[in-house]
């Protein structure tokens, strides 16, 4: 890890977010991906309970909702959701991830595009963390947040 264990719950690394907050944020989006892929695998069009109209408000609400958990629980949840996501990707037919559906933010997407977006999303946050800890190569420093 790039941060000392005692800083993972408290040290801001992405705006006001801690490493725990970032991991929780990634977990929320991957969990929505798990929901979508399960539905696609079962032959259903994924349905989400809410449409995300304002990403900043949605993301902040997720961080606030997880304030009561610590780093180890956040990391455990992330690993559990990631394993479920990988297992679903491994078991989808070639056709299932190509079926279009409406994403949680209201636009059309396929399972393939959703999973690809998750990978990019994680890379963006990893780049921000590396910038923060000064381990990011110059070619990727455009991800730095002020």
Protein backbone atom coordinates (compact mmCIF):
# COMPACT_ATOMS: atom_id res chain seq x y z
CA UNK A 1 0.00 0.00 0.00
CA UNK A 2 1.10 3.53 -0.72
CA UNK A 3 -0.31 4.93 2.53
CA UNK A 4 0.56 3.96 6.08
CA UNK A 5 -2.15 1.84 7.75
CA UNK A 6 -2.98 4.60 10.24
CA UNK A 7 -3.69 7.05 7.36
CA UNK A 8 -6.12 4.94 5.30
CA UNK A 9 -9.18 6.07 7.29
CA UNK A 10 -8.15 9.67 7.87
CA UNK A 11 -5.74 11.20 5.34
CA UNK A 12 -7.47 12.98 2.43
CA UNK A 13 -6.08 11.74 -0.90
CA UNK A 14 -8.75 12.68 -3.43
CA UNK A 15 -10.25 16.02 -2.48
CA UNK A 16 -11.64 15.36 0.99
CA UNK A 17 -11.87 11.60 0.42
CA UNK A 18 -9.65 9.15 2.27
CA UNK A 19 -8.38 5.89 0.80
CA UNK A 20 -11.27 4.16 2.59
CA UNK A 21 -13.70 6.54 0.88
CA UNK A 22 -12.20 5.92 -2.56
CA UNK A 23 -12.34 2.14 -2.12
CA UNK A 24 -15.95 2.41 -0.93
CA UNK A 25 -16.76 4.58 -3.96
CA UNK A 26 -15.28 2.02 -6.34
CA UNK A 27 -17.18 -0.74 -4.55
CA UNK A 28 -20.54 0.99 -5.11
CA UNK A 29 -20.02 1.22 -8.88
CA UNK A 30 -18.73 -2.36 -9.10
CA UNK A 31 -21.71 -3.59 -7.11
CA UNK A 32 -24.03 -1.94 -9.65
CA UNK A 33 -22.00 -3.78 -12.31
CA UNK A 34 -22.55 -7.08 -10.48
CA UNK A 35 -26.28 -6.39 -10.45
CA UNK A 36 -26.29 -5.61 -14.17
CA UNK A 37 -24.21 -8.63 -15.16
CA UNK A 38 -26.35 -10.99 -13.05
CA UNK A 39 -29.45 -9.72 -14.80
CA UNK A 40 -27.82 -10.07 -18.23
CA UNK A 41 -26.74 -13.62 -17.38
CA UNK A 42 -30.32 -14.48 -16.37
CA UNK A 43 -31.63 -13.03 -19.63
CA UNK A 44 -33.17 -9.92 -18.08
CA UNK A 45 -32.55 -6.29 -18.85
CA UNK A 46 -30.87 -4.74 -15.78
CA UNK A 47 -33.04 -2.43 -13.72
CA UNK A 48 -31.75 -0.05 -11.07
CA UNK A 49 -33.78 1.36 -8.18
CA UNK A 50 -32.56 4.93 -8.72
CA UNK A 51 -31.23 6.96 -11.61
CA UNK A 52 -28.09 8.92 -10.83
CA UNK A 53 -28.85 12.49 -11.90
CA UNK A 54 -26.02 14.19 -10.03
CA UNK A 55 -22.82 12.15 -9.69
CA UNK A 56 -21.25 14.42 -7.09
CA UNK A 57 -24.30 14.23 -4.83
CA UNK A 58 -24.62 10.47 -5.37
CA UNK A 59 -20.94 9.88 -4.63
CA UNK A 60 -20.99 12.05 -1.51
CA UNK A 61 -24.09 10.25 -0.24
CA UNK A 62 -22.28 6.92 -0.66
CA UNK A 63 -19.24 8.22 1.26
CA UNK A 64 -21.47 9.50 4.06
CA UNK A 65 -23.35 6.19 4.20
CA UNK A 66 -20.07 4.32 4.74
CA UNK A 67 -18.54 6.65 7.34
CA UNK A 68 -19.19 4.12 10.10
CA UNK A 69 -16.96 1.42 8.60
CA UNK A 70 -13.19 1.23 8.87
CA UNK A 71 -10.49 0.52 6.29
CA UNK A 72 -10.44 -3.25 6.79
CA UNK A 73 -14.20 -3.54 6.30
CA UNK A 74 -14.12 -1.26 3.23
CA UNK A 75 -11.32 -3.35 1.70
CA UNK A 76 -13.13 -6.59 2.52
CA UNK A 77 -16.34 -5.34 0.85
CA UNK A 78 -14.34 -4.24 -2.20
CA UNK A 79 -12.63 -7.63 -2.51
CA UNK A 80 -15.93 -9.50 -2.14
CA UNK A 81 -17.63 -7.41 -4.81
CA UNK A 82 -14.61 -7.62 -7.13
CA UNK A 83 -14.57 -11.43 -6.85
CA UNK A 84 -18.28 -11.54 -7.69
CA UNK A 85 -17.72 -9.23 -10.67
CA UNK A 86 -14.82 -11.30 -12.02
CA UNK A 87 -16.77 -14.53 -11.57
CA UNK A 88 -19.68 -13.09 -13.54
CA UNK A 89 -17.41 -11.84 -16.33
CA UNK A 90 -15.80 -15.28 -16.50
CA UNK A 91 -19.18 -17.00 -16.83
CA UNK A 92 -20.98 -14.73 -19.28
CA UNK A 93 -21.54 -16.01 -22.79
CA UNK A 94 -20.11 -13.98 -25.66
CA UNK A 95 -23.55 -12.52 -26.39
CA UNK A 96 -24.72 -11.63 -22.88
CA UNK A 97 -22.42 -8.63 -22.24
CA UNK A 98 -23.30 -7.17 -25.65
CA UNK A 99 -27.00 -6.70 -24.82
CA UNK A 100 -27.88 -3.02 -24.34
CA UNK A 101 -29.60 -1.73 -21.20
CA UNK A 102 -30.09 1.58 -19.43
CA UNK A 103 -27.22 2.41 -17.07
CA UNK A 104 -27.81 3.72 -13.54
CA UNK A 105 -27.19 7.23 -14.90
CA UNK A 106 -29.91 6.87 -17.54
CA UNK A 107 -27.98 6.35 -20.77
CA UNK A 108 -27.79 3.23 -22.95
CA UNK A 109 -24.84 0.93 -22.35
CA UNK A 110 -23.84 -2.72 -22.70
CA UNK A 111 -22.37 -5.00 -20.04
CA UNK A 112 -19.08 -4.90 -21.91
CA UNK A 113 -19.05 -1.09 -21.86
CA UNK A 114 -19.96 -1.04 -18.18
CA UNK A 115 -17.09 -3.35 -17.21
CA UNK A 116 -14.67 -1.42 -19.43
CA UNK A 117 -15.83 1.79 -17.75
CA UNK A 118 -15.17 0.26 -14.32
CA UNK A 119 -11.58 -0.49 -15.33
CA UNK A 120 -11.04 3.08 -16.53
CA UNK A 121 -12.69 4.46 -13.39
CA UNK A 122 -10.34 2.47 -11.17
CA UNK A 123 -7.30 3.54 -13.21
CA UNK A 124 -8.29 7.19 -12.81
CA UNK A 125 -8.48 6.87 -9.03
CA UNK A 126 -5.23 4.87 -8.92
CA UNK A 127 -3.52 7.63 -10.92
CA UNK A 128 -4.82 10.27 -8.49
CA UNK A 129 -3.48 8.23 -5.57
CA UNK A 130 -0.10 7.82 -7.25
CA UNK A 131 0.04 11.57 -7.93
CA UNK A 132 -0.76 12.23 -4.31
CA UNK A 133 2.00 9.91 -3.16
CA UNK A 134 4.40 11.17 -5.87
CA UNK A 135 4.72 7.78 -7.57
CA UNK A 136 3.00 8.68 -10.83
CA UNK A 137 5.03 8.79 -14.05
CA UNK A 138 5.04 12.19 -15.79
CA UNK A 139 2.97 10.85 -18.71
CA UNK A 140 0.01 10.25 -16.37
CA UNK A 141 0.18 13.38 -14.23
CA UNK A 142 -2.78 15.00 -15.98
CA UNK A 143 -4.95 13.04 -13.52
CA UNK A 144 -3.63 15.13 -10.62
CA UNK A 145 -6.32 16.92 -8.66
CA UNK A 146 -5.69 20.35 -7.24
